[in-house]
Each structure stands twice: as C-alpha cells, then as structure tokens.
Amino acid sequence: MKMKKSLIVISMFAVMLSLSGCDDNKEAAFEYDDSQIVLDTMSYFDQYADVSEDYAKYYIENGTEFEQSAVMGIRQAVDTDKVGQLQDYSGIISNAQATGAFSPESVDYEITNAEDSVSVTIINRAENRDVEITVKYVENPEYFMQYDRALQYYTDDTIQSVIEQNGLTLDYLLMMYGCSDIEELKKTLVDSDMEYAGLKPYKAEEMVVSAVYSKKELMASAGRNTIIGMGTVFIVLIFISFIISLFKFLPALLAPKPKLPQAKEEIKPQAPVTAPKAVAASNKNLMNDAELVAVITAAIYAASADMGGAVSKDRLVVRSIRRAKR
C-alpha cells in the first residue's frame, strides 16, 4: 500500500515537472532569427527615440497603435523618469549591416515566446538609469501572401529566361548567390525580394518603454505613495466629520423666520356701552328691590280693578319676580 502511494506521488511530481518544462519552452508563433529580431528591436527604438516635437505629436494623435506606444513610452522615460540621454544603437546597426554579422550576446536581451506572439526585451544604457525596451511581435499575414506569389513567379522557366537574357549560366548564378541547387536559389531570390520590400514574417505590434528602478527606490516610492494615500484618506475623513458636526445647526438655519410686527394703528377709545338697567340688574335678586315689588304690585292691582275683579290689597302678595325669556 505504501509503495502505491509513493508511486502516485512520484508520478504527480513528474507530471508537474513536465508541464513546467513545457511552459518554459513554448513553440514560437513564427520562425525568426535571434540576431535579426534583436536588431529589428534596436532599429525600431532608434526610429522613434529622437523625433521632433511635431512628429511626436503626429504619431500620438494619428499614428498606428505601435507608433503611439513607442513615442509615448519614450517620452515618459525622458520627461517623467528623467533617464537622461538614451543609448544610440545606430552604430551597432550600421556595423551589422556592413559586415553582415551581429552577435546578440553583445546586447542585454531576452526573447519570450507566447502562443500568438514573440516579445523581445533589450536594455538601453541611458545616461541616468537603464531603460527596458520590450517590443511585441505578431505574425505578418502580408509577408506570407507576398512570399507565395514570389515562389510562384520564380519557376524553372523564369530562372532559365533570366539566364538567357543576361548571357549567364546556372552554375554562375548558384555560385553568385551561394546556393547548391536551383531550389535553394529560388528560396534565396524570394527572401531577397521580401527584404527589398521590407517585409518580414513578423511585425511589431506594441512597444513598452520603462525605466529600471532598484528595489530600494521601488520601496521608497511605495512608502511615499502609501503615506500620501493614507494622509489623503485621513484628511477627507476629518473634513467629513467637520461637515457632520455642522448638521446640528441646520434646524436653526432651516426654521421659518418670525414676521416683523407691523405698526399698530392708533385705536380711539370708544365710549363704554351702558347696559340697560334691567340687564344690569339681572344678576341681582329682584325680590330684594322693594321699590320694584311695589310698582309691580300696584300694576297688578290696577289691572285687576279695570277688569272688574278687584283684589284686596291685603290678599295680593308678590312672592317672586322672574325675568321673562324673549
């Protein structure tokens, strides 16, 4: 049982190693020569490293994606990162073109293969600090279309016609181009036409230019950014707390303002209304008014005498007097 577990662990470990090995050695998306693609990278960089302000503005506003990325990246390194004078590759490129020999080992470079692209990174020894230049290349369909057309053009009959028109021989052509047979000669002629047309099996898609900082500088920059970021957060929080503390004054500010008192008109005093005596006396006990009782008694007596039914004064007694409701 232990043996089986050990075999399983070893098998898993072997699979992991094989997978990691495959990742490190990915097949290139297209064929290329290390020396040539490194030279192309240096050439692209030199082409956009020293352009005038007018050309730089044109490339940024109207250029291709590659031209925009190249010019903006170089401007960033020079203006923001202050890298100083950039290393010029024109001498290396001219020497390679003149001698036909170039050793990429003389330049710090790295080539990374991806599924659909190849990235070449070189180090530019600028005045103040190194600059890392990475150019991403993708397959160029136009190259393969033109290559197929050229292959169809350079047939045995075409080559024989060229030999006859120029009074040459096949052996002379093979020797002149350093080829061993006619098939190799065809390929050499096609490659020559592609080079003359400026076509390669790959084309530059993007350039990334970045200044190289040491770990110490990166840590210091990260610390500054952290302090600035946290300081900004605390300042904003303090400001928000201050705003919230002012909310207690809002009710007083939003309360309606009292109306100003208007000027009072002079009110003329009116003469007091004298209530009728009967009304004034309504709150009094009318039975206590002897005069009123006598008057009422006499009136009743006179009224009874007029109707022929006289009432004796001794028998006429007024016991209560009430106000009549109207």
C-alpha atoms as a PDB file:
ATOM      1  CA  MET A   1       0.000   0.000   0.000  1.00  0.00           C
ATOM      2  CA  LYS A   2       2.812   2.376   0.881  1.00  0.00           C
ATOM      3  CA  MET A   3       4.516   1.508  -2.416  1.00  0.00           C
ATOM      4  CA  LYS A   4       1.412   2.502  -4.389  1.00  0.00           C
ATOM      5  CA  LYS A   5       1.181   5.852  -2.585  1.00  0.00           C
ATOM      6  CA  SER A   6       4.844   6.528  -3.268  1.00  0.00           C
ATOM      7  CA  LEU A   7       4.393   5.747  -6.965  1.00  0.00           C
ATOM      8  CA  ILE A   8       1.393   8.080  -7.175  1.00  0.00           C
ATOM      9  CA  VAL A   9       3.329  10.926  -5.538  1.00  0.00           C
ATOM     10  CA  ILE A  10       6.318  10.395  -7.866  1.00  0.00           C
ATOM     11  CA  SER A  11       4.041  10.306 -10.922  1.00  0.00           C
ATOM     12  CA  MET A  12       2.340  13.577  -9.924  1.00  0.00           C
ATOM     13  CA  PHE A  13       5.711  15.201  -9.340  1.00  0.00           C
ATOM     14  CA  ALA A  14       6.917  14.065 -12.770  1.00  0.00           C
ATOM     15  CA  VAL A  15       3.785  15.427 -14.454  1.00  0.00           C
ATOM     16  CA  MET A  16       4.267  18.808 -12.745  1.00  0.00           C
ATOM     17  CA  LEU A  17       7.871  18.961 -13.909  1.00  0.00           C
ATOM     18  CA  SER A  18       6.912  18.080 -17.467  1.00  0.00           C
ATOM     19  CA  LEU A  19       4.193  20.746 -17.510  1.00  0.00           C
ATOM     20  CA  SER A  20       6.545  23.399 -16.156  1.00  0.00           C
ATOM     21  CA  GLY A  21       9.104  22.404 -18.750  1.00  0.00           C
ATOM     22  CA  CYS A  22       6.544  22.837 -21.499  1.00  0.00           C
ATOM     23  CA  ASP A  23       5.672  26.317 -20.243  1.00  0.00           C
ATOM     24  CA  ASP A  24       9.321  27.403 -20.314  1.00  0.00           C
ATOM     25  CA  ASN A  25       9.893  26.129 -23.863  1.00  0.00           C
ATOM     26  CA  LYS A  26       6.841  27.231 -25.785  1.00  0.00           C
ATOM     27  CA  GLU A  27       6.928  26.854 -29.508  1.00  0.00           C
ATOM     28  CA  ALA A  28       7.373  30.156 -31.342  1.00  0.00           C
ATOM     29  CA  ALA A  29       4.343  31.602 -33.112  1.00  0.00           C
ATOM     30  CA  PHE A  30       6.522  32.079 -36.241  1.00  0.00           C
ATOM     31  CA  GLU A  31      10.069  31.468 -37.394  1.00  0.00           C
ATOM     32  CA  TYR A  32      12.669  34.118 -36.617  1.00  0.00           C
ATOM     33  CA  ASP A  33      16.392  34.593 -36.259  1.00  0.00           C
ATOM     34  CA  ASP A  34      17.576  35.800 -32.844  1.00  0.00           C
ATOM     35  CA  SER A  35      20.145  38.203 -34.277  1.00  0.00           C
ATOM     36  CA  GLN A  36      17.725  39.712 -36.779  1.00  0.00           C
ATOM     37  CA  ILE A  37      14.825  40.181 -34.388  1.00  0.00           C
ATOM     38  CA  VAL A  38      17.113  41.817 -31.788  1.00  0.00           C
ATOM     39  CA  LEU A  39      18.473  44.145 -34.491  1.00  0.00           C
ATOM     40  CA  ASP A  40      14.906  44.961 -35.536  1.00  0.00           C
ATOM     41  CA  THR A  41      14.061  45.846 -31.939  1.00  0.00           C
ATOM     42  CA  MET A  42      17.022  48.239 -31.674  1.00  0.00           C
ATOM     43  CA  SER A  43      16.142  49.725 -35.069  1.00  0.00           C
ATOM     44  CA  TYR A  44      12.521  50.374 -34.050  1.00  0.00           C
ATOM     45  CA  PHE A  45      13.678  52.062 -30.849  1.00  0.00           C
ATOM     46  CA  ASP A  46      16.166  54.325 -32.650  1.00  0.00           C
ATOM     47  CA  GLN A  47      13.497  55.270 -35.186  1.00  0.00           C
ATOM     48  CA  TYR A  48      11.254  56.866 -32.532  1.00  0.00           C
ATOM     49  CA  ALA A  49      13.793  57.827 -29.844  1.00  0.00           C
ATOM     50  CA  ASP A  50      14.843  61.149 -31.349  1.00  0.00           C
ATOM     51  CA  VAL A  51      11.832  62.504 -33.226  1.00  0.00           C
ATOM     52  CA  SER A  52      10.922  66.183 -33.151  1.00  0.00           C
ATOM     53  CA  GLU A  53       8.001  67.561 -31.177  1.00  0.00           C
ATOM     54  CA  ASP A  54       5.883  67.922 -34.324  1.00  0.00           C
ATOM     55  CA  TYR A  55       6.466  64.318 -35.378  1.00  0.00           C
ATOM     56  CA  ALA A  56       5.870  63.100 -31.829  1.00  0.00           C
ATOM     57  CA  LYS A  57       2.518  64.911 -31.722  1.00  0.00           C
ATOM     58  CA  TYR A  58       1.589  63.462 -35.104  1.00  0.00           C
ATOM     59  CA  TYR A  59       2.446  59.904 -34.064  1.00  0.00           C
ATOM     60  CA  ILE A  60       0.488  60.214 -30.816  1.00  0.00           C
ATOM     61  CA  GLU A  61      -2.618  61.688 -32.451  1.00  0.00           C
ATOM     62  CA  ASN A  62      -2.655  59.969 -35.863  1.00  0.00           C
ATOM     63  CA  GLY A  63      -0.140  57.129 -35.722  1.00  0.00           C
ATOM     64  CA  THR A  64      -0.683  53.399 -35.505  1.00  0.00           C
ATOM     65  CA  GLU A  65      -1.012  51.623 -32.179  1.00  0.00           C
ATOM     66  CA  PHE A  66       2.682  50.695 -32.306  1.00  0.00           C
ATOM     67  CA  GLU A  67       3.789  54.257 -33.132  1.00  0.00           C
ATOM     68  CA  GLN A  68       1.676  55.688 -30.313  1.00  0.00           C
ATOM     69  CA  SER A  69       3.002  53.215 -27.741  1.00  0.00           C
ATOM     70  CA  ALA A  70       6.612  53.762 -28.854  1.00  0.00           C
ATOM     71  CA  VAL A  71       6.564  57.572 -28.774  1.00  0.00           C
ATOM     72  CA  MET A  72       4.535  57.835 -25.567  1.00  0.00           C
ATOM     73  CA  GLY A  73       6.745  55.295 -23.791  1.00  0.00           C
ATOM     74  CA  ILE A  74       9.963  57.071 -24.790  1.00  0.00           C
ATOM     75  CA  ARG A  75       8.523  60.459 -23.778  1.00  0.00           C
ATOM     76  CA  GLN A  76       7.512  59.021 -20.421  1.00  0.00           C
ATOM     77  CA  ALA A  77      11.041  57.745 -19.770  1.00  0.00           C
ATOM     78  CA  VAL A  78      12.706  61.012 -20.774  1.00  0.00           C
ATOM     79  CA  ASP A  79      10.288  63.576 -19.318  1.00  0.00           C
ATOM     80  CA  THR A  80       8.929  61.815 -16.229  1.00  0.00           C
ATOM     81  CA  ASP A  81      11.558  59.264 -15.234  1.00  0.00           C
ATOM     82  CA  LYS A  82      14.425  61.642 -16.140  1.00  0.00           C
ATOM     83  CA  VAL A  83      16.616  58.879 -17.605  1.00  0.00           C
ATOM     84  CA  GLY A  84      18.800  61.387 -19.446  1.00  0.00           C
ATOM     85  CA  GLN A  85      20.412  60.782 -22.823  1.00  0.00           C
ATOM     86  CA  LEU A  86      19.340  57.460 -24.320  1.00  0.00           C
ATOM     87  CA  GLN A  87      21.838  54.977 -25.752  1.00  0.00           C
ATOM     88  CA  ASP A  88      22.111  55.210 -29.538  1.00  0.00           C
ATOM     89  CA  TYR A  89      22.047  51.881 -31.409  1.00  0.00           C
ATOM     90  CA  SER A  90      22.756  53.313 -34.859  1.00  0.00           C
ATOM     91  CA  GLY A  91      26.466  52.369 -34.725  1.00  0.00           C
ATOM     92  CA  ILE A  92      25.710  48.733 -33.862  1.00  0.00           C
ATOM     93  CA  ILE A  93      23.033  48.517 -36.570  1.00  0.00           C
ATOM     94  CA  SER A  94      25.256  50.089 -39.257  1.00  0.00           C
ATOM     95  CA  ASN A  95      28.158  47.788 -38.426  1.00  0.00           C
ATOM     96  CA  ALA A  96      25.889  44.734 -38.583  1.00  0.00           C
ATOM     97  CA  GLN A  97      24.524  45.782 -41.973  1.00  0.00           C
ATOM     98  CA  ALA A  98      28.005  46.479 -43.343  1.00  0.00           C
ATOM     99  CA  THR A  99      29.657  43.279 -42.141  1.00  0.00           C
ATOM    100  CA  GLY A 100      26.604  41.057 -42.248  1.00  0.00           C
ATOM    101  CA  ALA A 101      27.492  39.800 -38.795  1.00  0.00           C
ATOM    102  CA  PHE A 102      25.973  40.635 -35.461  1.00  0.00           C
ATOM    103  CA  SER A 103      26.288  38.893 -32.146  1.00  0.00           C
ATOM    104  CA  PRO A 104      23.211  39.406 -29.967  1.00  0.00           C
ATOM    105  CA  GLU A 105      25.301  38.453 -26.940  1.00  0.00           C
ATOM    106  CA  SER A 106      26.813  41.937 -27.109  1.00  0.00           C
ATOM    107  CA  VAL A 107      23.426  43.322 -26.048  1.00  0.00           C
ATOM    108  CA  ASP A 108      21.437  42.508 -22.907  1.00  0.00           C
ATOM    109  CA  TYR A 109      18.295  40.942 -24.341  1.00  0.00           C
ATOM    110  CA  GLU A 110      15.628  38.350 -23.641  1.00  0.00           C
ATOM    111  CA  ILE A 111      13.224  36.636 -26.048  1.00  0.00           C
ATOM    112  CA  THR A 112       9.921  35.298 -24.738  1.00  0.00           C
ATOM    113  CA  ASN A 113       7.690  33.061 -26.857  1.00  0.00           C
ATOM    114  CA  ALA A 114       3.935  33.178 -26.364  1.00  0.00           C
ATOM    115  CA  GLU A 115       1.122  31.321 -28.063  1.00  0.00           C
ATOM    116  CA  ASP A 116       0.497  34.022 -30.664  1.00  0.00           C
ATOM    117  CA  SER A 117       3.431  36.427 -30.261  1.00  0.00           C
ATOM    118  CA  VAL A 118       7.133  36.843 -29.555  1.00  0.00           C
ATOM    119  CA  SER A 119       8.391  39.548 -27.180  1.00  0.00           C
ATOM    120  CA  VAL A 120      11.959  40.866 -27.336  1.00  0.00           C
ATOM    121  CA  THR A 121      13.344  42.861 -24.396  1.00  0.00           C
ATOM    122  CA  ILE A 122      16.602  44.815 -24.570  1.00  0.00           C
ATOM    123  CA  ILE A 123      18.295  47.075 -22.023  1.00  0.00           C
ATOM    124  CA  ASN A 124      19.190  50.598 -23.057  1.00  0.00           C
ATOM    125  CA  ARG A 125      22.083  52.081 -21.071  1.00  0.00           C
ATOM    126  CA  ALA A 126      20.735  55.614 -20.670  1.00  0.00           C
ATOM    127  CA  GLU A 127      22.623  58.452 -19.002  1.00  0.00           C
ATOM    128  CA  ASN A 128      20.966  58.378 -15.562  1.00  0.00           C
ATOM    129  CA  ARG A 129      19.467  54.891 -15.372  1.00  0.00           C
ATOM    130  CA  ASP A 130      18.821  51.822 -17.505  1.00  0.00           C
ATOM    131  CA  VAL A 131      15.704  51.648 -19.657  1.00  0.00           C
ATOM    132  CA  GLU A 132      13.900  48.417 -20.501  1.00  0.00           C
ATOM    133  CA  ILE A 133      12.518  48.225 -24.040  1.00  0.00           C
ATOM    134  CA  THR A 134      10.087  45.448 -24.935  1.00  0.00           C
ATOM    135  CA  VAL A 135       8.675  45.022 -28.445  1.00  0.00           C
ATOM    136  CA  LYS A 136       5.858  42.573 -29.067  1.00  0.00           C
ATOM    137  CA  TYR A 137       5.865  40.891 -32.491  1.00  0.00           C
ATOM    138  CA  VAL A 138       2.989  39.027 -34.126  1.00  0.00           C
ATOM    139  CA  GLU A 139       2.750  37.070 -37.358  1.00  0.00           C
ATOM    140  CA  ASN A 140       2.584  39.165 -40.537  1.00  0.00           C
ATOM    141  CA  PRO A 141      -0.016  37.734 -42.969  1.00  0.00           C
ATOM    142  CA  GLU A 142       1.077  40.070 -45.791  1.00  0.00           C
ATOM    143  CA  TYR A 143       4.554  38.556 -45.750  1.00  0.00           C
ATOM    144  CA  PHE A 144       3.250  35.046 -46.388  1.00  0.00           C
ATOM    145  CA  MET A 145       0.918  36.209 -49.167  1.00  0.00           C
ATOM    146  CA  GLN A 146       3.777  38.003 -50.949  1.00  0.00           C
ATOM    147  CA  TYR A 147       6.079  35.041 -50.305  1.00  0.00           C
ATOM    148  CA  ASP A 148       3.670  32.638 -52.017  1.00  0.00           C
ATOM    149  CA  ARG A 149       3.358  34.976 -55.017  1.00  0.00           C
ATOM    150  CA  ALA A 150       7.136  35.213 -55.326  1.00  0.00           C
ATOM    151  CA  LEU A 151       7.501  31.427 -55.176  1.00  0.00           C
ATOM    152  CA  GLN A 152       5.004  31.110 -57.991  1.00  0.00           C
ATOM    153  CA  TYR A 153       6.958  33.659 -60.015  1.00  0.00           C
ATOM    154  CA  TYR A 154      10.405  32.078 -59.627  1.00  0.00           C
ATOM    155  CA  THR A 155       9.865  28.885 -61.587  1.00  0.00           C
ATOM    156  CA  ASP A 156      12.461  26.890 -63.514  1.00  0.00           C
ATOM    157  CA  ASP A 157      11.351  28.579 -66.720  1.00  0.00           C
ATOM    158  CA  THR A 158      11.656  32.067 -65.215  1.00  0.00           C
ATOM    159  CA  ILE A 159      15.187  31.410 -63.978  1.00  0.00           C
ATOM    160  CA  GLN A 160      16.189  29.921 -67.322  1.00  0.00           C
ATOM    161  CA  SER A 161      14.793  33.015 -69.074  1.00  0.00           C
ATOM    162  CA  VAL A 162      16.865  35.297 -66.814  1.00  0.00           C
ATOM    163  CA  ILE A 163      19.986  33.250 -67.548  1.00  0.00           C
ATOM    164  CA  GLU A 164      19.449  33.500 -71.294  1.00  0.00           C
ATOM    165  CA  GLN A 165      18.641  37.225 -71.287  1.00  0.00           C
ATOM    166  CA  ASN A 166      21.767  38.102 -69.320  1.00  0.00           C
ATOM    167  CA  GLY A 167      24.094  35.601 -71.006  1.00  0.00           C
ATOM    168  CA  LEU A 168      24.732  33.770 -67.730  1.00  0.00           C
ATOM    169  CA  THR A 169      24.835  30.161 -66.687  1.00  0.00           C
ATOM    170  CA  LEU A 170      23.048  28.341 -63.877  1.00  0.00           C
ATOM    171  CA  ASP A 171      26.329  27.467 -62.218  1.00  0.00           C
ATOM    172  CA  TYR A 172      27.318  31.119 -62.170  1.00  0.00           C
ATOM    173  CA  LEU A 173      24.024  32.114 -60.512  1.00  0.00           C
ATOM    174  CA  LEU A 174      24.393  29.356 -57.938  1.00  0.00           C
ATOM    175  CA  MET A 175      27.918  30.489 -57.148  1.00  0.00           C
ATOM    176  CA  MET A 176      26.922  34.179 -57.017  1.00  0.00           C
ATOM    177  CA  TYR A 177      24.127  33.556 -54.501  1.00  0.00           C
ATOM    178  CA  GLY A 178      25.996  30.814 -52.635  1.00  0.00           C
ATOM    179  CA  CYS A 179      23.410  28.130 -53.371  1.00  0.00           C
ATOM    180  CA  SER A 180      23.869  24.448 -54.039  1.00  0.00           C
ATOM    181  CA  ASP A 181      20.858  23.800 -56.269  1.00  0.00           C
ATOM    182  CA  ILE A 182      18.058  25.598 -58.088  1.00  0.00           C
ATOM    183  CA  GLU A 183      15.529  25.099 -55.260  1.00  0.00           C
ATOM    184  CA  GLU A 184      17.798  26.844 -52.786  1.00  0.00           C
ATOM    185  CA  LEU A 185      18.349  29.559 -55.381  1.00  0.00           C
ATOM    186  CA  LYS A 186      14.591  30.114 -55.668  1.00  0.00           C
ATOM    187  CA  LYS A 187      14.275  30.500 -51.919  1.00  0.00           C
ATOM    188  CA  THR A 188      17.205  32.911 -51.819  1.00  0.00           C
ATOM    189  CA  LEU A 189      15.683  35.033 -54.585  1.00  0.00           C
ATOM    190  CA  VAL A 190      12.324  35.104 -52.788  1.00  0.00           C
ATOM    191  CA  ASP A 191      13.974  36.118 -49.492  1.00  0.00           C
ATOM    192  CA  SER A 192      15.839  38.866 -51.327  1.00  0.00           C
ATOM    193  CA  ASP A 193      12.580  40.211 -52.764  1.00  0.00           C
ATOM    194  CA  MET A 194      10.936  40.166 -49.301  1.00  0.00           C
ATOM    195  CA  GLU A 195      13.881  42.032 -47.799  1.00  0.00           C
ATOM    196  CA  TYR A 196      13.812  44.579 -50.603  1.00  0.00           C
ATOM    197  CA  ALA A 197      10.074  45.132 -49.974  1.00  0.00           C
ATOM    198  CA  GLY A 198      10.740  45.494 -46.234  1.00  0.00           C
ATOM    199  CA  LEU A 199       8.556  42.504 -45.366  1.00  0.00           C
ATOM    200  CA  LYS A 200       9.299  40.059 -42.555  1.00  0.00           C
ATOM    201  CA  PRO A 201       7.341  37.070 -41.225  1.00  0.00           C
ATOM    202  CA  TYR A 202       6.534  39.179 -38.178  1.00  0.00           C
ATOM    203  CA  LYS A 203       5.506  42.755 -37.495  1.00  0.00           C
ATOM    204  CA  ALA A 204       5.820  44.958 -34.419  1.00  0.00           C
ATOM    205  CA  GLU A 205       2.519  45.423 -32.612  1.00  0.00           C
ATOM    206  CA  GLU A 206       3.438  47.251 -29.402  1.00  0.00           C
ATOM    207  CA  MET A 207       6.445  48.798 -27.670  1.00  0.00           C
ATOM    208  CA  VAL A 208       6.732  49.189 -23.901  1.00  0.00           C
ATOM    209  CA  VAL A 209       9.443  51.517 -22.554  1.00  0.00           C
ATOM    210  CA  SER A 210      10.027  51.646 -18.800  1.00  0.00           C
ATOM    211  CA  ALA A 211      12.817  52.947 -16.572  1.00  0.00           C
ATOM    212  CA  VAL A 212      14.575  50.360 -14.419  1.00  0.00           C
ATOM    213  CA  TYR A 213      14.459  51.165 -10.694  1.00  0.00           C
ATOM    214  CA  SER A 214      16.308  49.378  -7.918  1.00  0.00           C
ATOM    215  CA  LYS A 215      14.447  47.605  -5.128  1.00  0.00           C
ATOM    216  CA  LYS A 216      15.441  50.352  -2.716  1.00  0.00           C
ATOM    217  CA  GLU A 217      13.958  53.006  -4.981  1.00  0.00           C
ATOM    218  CA  LEU A 218      10.791  50.957  -5.501  1.00  0.00           C
ATOM    219  CA  MET A 219      10.343  50.504  -1.744  1.00  0.00           C
ATOM    220  CA  ALA A 220      10.878  54.212  -1.118  1.00  0.00           C
ATOM    221  CA  SER A 221       8.369  55.093  -3.840  1.00  0.00           C
ATOM    222  CA  ALA A 222       5.851  52.622  -2.424  1.00  0.00           C
ATOM    223  CA  GLY A 223       6.306  54.138   1.050  1.00  0.00           C
ATOM    224  CA  ARG A 224       5.731  57.662  -0.259  1.00  0.00           C
ATOM    225  CA  ASN A 225       2.631  56.568  -2.139  1.00  0.00           C
ATOM    226  CA  THR A 226       1.305  54.809   0.971  1.00  0.00           C
ATOM    227  CA  ILE A 227       1.845  57.877   3.154  1.00  0.00           C
ATOM    228  CA  ILE A 228       0.235  60.175   0.589  1.00  0.00           C
ATOM    229  CA  GLY A 229      -2.701  57.827   0.141  1.00  0.00           C
ATOM    230  CA  MET A 230      -3.334  57.344   3.867  1.00  0.00           C
ATOM    231  CA  GLY A 231      -2.850  61.050   4.545  1.00  0.00           C
ATOM    232  CA  THR A 232      -5.407  61.903   1.888  1.00  0.00           C
ATOM    233  CA  VAL A 233      -7.886  59.443   3.390  1.00  0.00           C
ATOM    234  CA  PHE A 234      -7.483  60.882   6.899  1.00  0.00           C
ATOM    235  CA  ILE A 235      -7.842  64.451   5.652  1.00  0.00           C
ATOM    236  CA  VAL A 236     -11.045  63.535   3.838  1.00  0.00           C
ATOM    237  CA  LEU A 237     -12.388  61.741   6.934  1.00  0.00           C
ATOM    238  CA  ILE A 238     -11.627  64.764   9.132  1.00  0.00           C
ATOM    239  CA  PHE A 239     -13.358  67.026   6.631  1.00  0.00           C
ATOM    240  CA  ILE A 240     -16.411  64.734   6.560  1.00  0.00           C
ATOM    241  CA  SER A 241     -16.509  64.711  10.396  1.00  0.00           C
ATOM    242  CA  PHE A 242     -16.396  68.501  10.397  1.00  0.00           C
ATOM    243  CA  ILE A 243     -19.293  68.657   7.923  1.00  0.00           C
ATOM    244  CA  ILE A 244     -21.327  66.214  10.023  1.00  0.00           C
ATOM    245  CA  SER A 245     -20.684  68.296  13.158  1.00  0.00           C
ATOM    246  CA  LEU A 246     -22.339  71.264  11.441  1.00  0.00           C
ATOM    247  CA  PHE A 247     -25.612  69.361  10.998  1.00  0.00           C
ATOM    248  CA  LYS A 248     -26.731  70.405  14.485  1.00  0.00           C
ATOM    249  CA  PHE A 249     -27.067  73.979  13.224  1.00  0.00           C
ATOM    250  CA  LEU A 250     -29.358  73.011  10.351  1.00  0.00           C
ATOM    251  CA  PRO A 251     -32.663  73.154  12.289  1.00  0.00           C
ATOM    252  CA  ALA A 252     -31.962  76.731  13.323  1.00  0.00           C
ATOM    253  CA  LEU A 253     -30.988  77.673   9.785  1.00  0.00           C
ATOM    254  CA  LEU A 254     -33.993  75.967   8.205  1.00  0.00           C
ATOM    255  CA  ALA A 255     -36.561  77.240  10.754  1.00  0.00           C
ATOM    256  CA  PRO A 256     -39.017  79.864   9.344  1.00  0.00           C
ATOM    257  CA  LYS A 257     -38.121  83.411  10.234  1.00  0.00           C
ATOM    258  CA  PRO A 258     -40.620  85.255  12.502  1.00  0.00           C
ATOM    259  CA  LYS A 259     -42.661  88.005  10.825  1.00  0.00           C
ATOM    260  CA  LEU A 260     -41.774  91.517  11.786  1.00  0.00           C
ATOM    261  CA  PRO A 261     -44.519  93.268  13.805  1.00  0.00           C
ATOM    262  CA  GLN A 262     -46.498  95.797  11.821  1.00  0.00           C
ATOM    263  CA  ALA A 263     -47.026  99.304  13.044  1.00  0.00           C
ATOM    264  CA  LYS A 264     -50.030  99.449  15.306  1.00  0.00           C
ATOM    265  CA  GLU A 265     -52.821 101.824  14.348  1.00  0.00           C
ATOM    266  CA  GLU A 266     -53.974 104.188  16.973  1.00  0.00           C
ATOM    267  CA  ILE A 267     -57.207 102.921  18.414  1.00  0.00           C
ATOM    268  CA  LYS A 268     -59.525 105.587  19.609  1.00  0.00           C
ATOM    269  CA  PRO A 269     -61.142 104.774  22.898  1.00  0.00           C
ATOM    270  CA  GLN A 270     -64.849 104.159  22.488  1.00  0.00           C
ATOM    271  CA  ALA A 271     -67.450 105.189  24.938  1.00  0.00           C
ATOM    272  CA  PRO A 272     -68.448 102.293  27.125  1.00  0.00           C
ATOM    273  CA  VAL A 273     -71.819 100.861  26.267  1.00  0.00           C
ATOM    274  CA  THR A 274     -74.163 101.231  29.132  1.00  0.00           C
ATOM    275  CA  ALA A 275     -76.168  98.128  29.642  1.00  0.00           C
ATOM    276  CA  PRO A 276     -79.844  98.527  30.313  1.00  0.00           C
ATOM    277  CA  LYS A 277     -80.806  98.721  33.863  1.00  0.00           C
ATOM    278  CA  ALA A 278     -82.815  95.598  33.520  1.00  0.00           C
ATOM    279  CA  VAL A 279     -79.772  93.720  32.198  1.00  0.00           C
ATOM    280  CA  ALA A 280     -77.511  95.253  34.832  1.00  0.00           C
ATOM    281  CA  ALA A 281     -79.932  94.196  37.446  1.00  0.00           C
ATOM    282  CA  SER A 282     -80.205  90.672  36.071  1.00  0.00           C
ATOM    283  CA  ASN A 283     -77.519  89.442  38.363  1.00  0.00           C
ATOM    284  CA  LYS A 284     -79.323  90.838  41.420  1.00  0.00           C
ATOM    285  CA  ASN A 285     -82.058  89.183  43.415  1.00  0.00           C
ATOM    286  CA  LEU A 286     -85.079  91.114  42.217  1.00  0.00           C
ATOM    287  CA  MET A 287     -87.058  90.231  45.406  1.00  0.00           C
ATOM    288  CA  ASN A 288     -84.746  92.435  47.430  1.00  0.00           C
ATOM    289  CA  ASP A 289     -85.728  95.531  45.382  1.00  0.00           C
ATOM    290  CA  ALA A 290     -88.686  96.893  47.463  1.00  0.00           C
ATOM    291  CA  GLU A 291     -89.439  99.690  45.013  1.00  0.00           C
ATOM    292  CA  LEU A 292     -89.712  97.264  42.104  1.00  0.00           C
ATOM    293  CA  VAL A 293     -92.009  94.984  44.112  1.00  0.00           C
ATOM    294  CA  ALA A 294     -94.282  97.874  44.992  1.00  0.00           C
ATOM    295  CA  VAL A 295     -94.516  99.029  41.404  1.00  0.00           C
ATOM    296  CA  ILE A 296     -95.385  95.565  40.125  1.00  0.00           C
ATOM    297  CA  THR A 297     -97.964  95.046  42.877  1.00  0.00           C
ATOM    298  CA  ALA A 298     -99.690  98.322  42.070  1.00  0.00           C
ATOM    299  CA  ALA A 299     -99.745  97.483  38.380  1.00  0.00           C
ATOM    300  CA  ILE A 300    -101.348  94.113  39.025  1.00  0.00           C
ATOM    301  CA  TYR A 301    -103.910  95.670  41.329  1.00  0.00           C
ATOM    302  CA  ALA A 302    -104.835  98.364  38.797  1.00  0.00           C
ATOM    303  CA  ALA A 303    -105.160  95.812  36.003  1.00  0.00           C
ATOM    304  CA  SER A 304    -107.498  93.646  38.103  1.00  0.00           C
ATOM    305  CA  ALA A 305    -109.669  96.661  39.009  1.00  0.00           C
ATOM    306  CA  ASP A 306    -110.083  97.613  35.362  1.00  0.00           C
ATOM    307  CA  MET A 307    -111.371  94.163  34.554  1.00  0.00           C
ATOM    308  CA  GLY A 308    -113.981  94.382  37.352  1.00  0.00           C
ATOM    309  CA  GLY A 309    -112.433  91.872  39.624  1.00  0.00           C
ATOM    310  CA  ALA A 310    -110.749  93.945  42.261  1.00  0.00           C
ATOM    311  CA  VAL A 311    -108.351  92.189  44.512  1.00  0.00           C
ATOM    312  CA  SER A 312    -107.876  93.136  48.103  1.00  0.00           C
ATOM    313  CA  LYS A 313    -104.543  94.711  48.778  1.00  0.00           C
ATOM    314  CA  ASP A 314    -104.156  92.537  51.844  1.00  0.00           C
ATOM    315  CA  ARG A 315    -104.583  89.340  49.863  1.00  0.00           C
ATOM    316  CA  LEU A 316    -102.261  90.327  46.973  1.00  0.00           C
ATOM    317  CA  VAL A 317     -98.798  89.065  47.788  1.00  0.00           C
ATOM    318  CA  VAL A 318     -95.876  89.070  45.256  1.00  0.00           C
ATOM    319  CA  ARG A 319     -93.759  86.081  46.157  1.00  0.00           C
ATOM    320  CA  SER A 320     -91.252  86.023  43.261  1.00  0.00           C
ATOM    321  CA  ILE A 321     -90.217  88.023  40.251  1.00  0.00           C
ATOM    322  CA  ARG A 322     -88.588  86.335  37.221  1.00  0.00           C
ATOM    323  CA  ARG A 323     -87.234  87.743  34.039  1.00  0.00           C
ATOM    324  CA  ALA A 324     -89.305  86.789  31.030  1.00  0.00           C
ATOM    325  CA  LYS A 325     -87.430  84.986  28.243  1.00  0.00           C
ATOM    326  CA  ARG A 326     -87.763  86.611  24.839  1.00  0.00           C
END
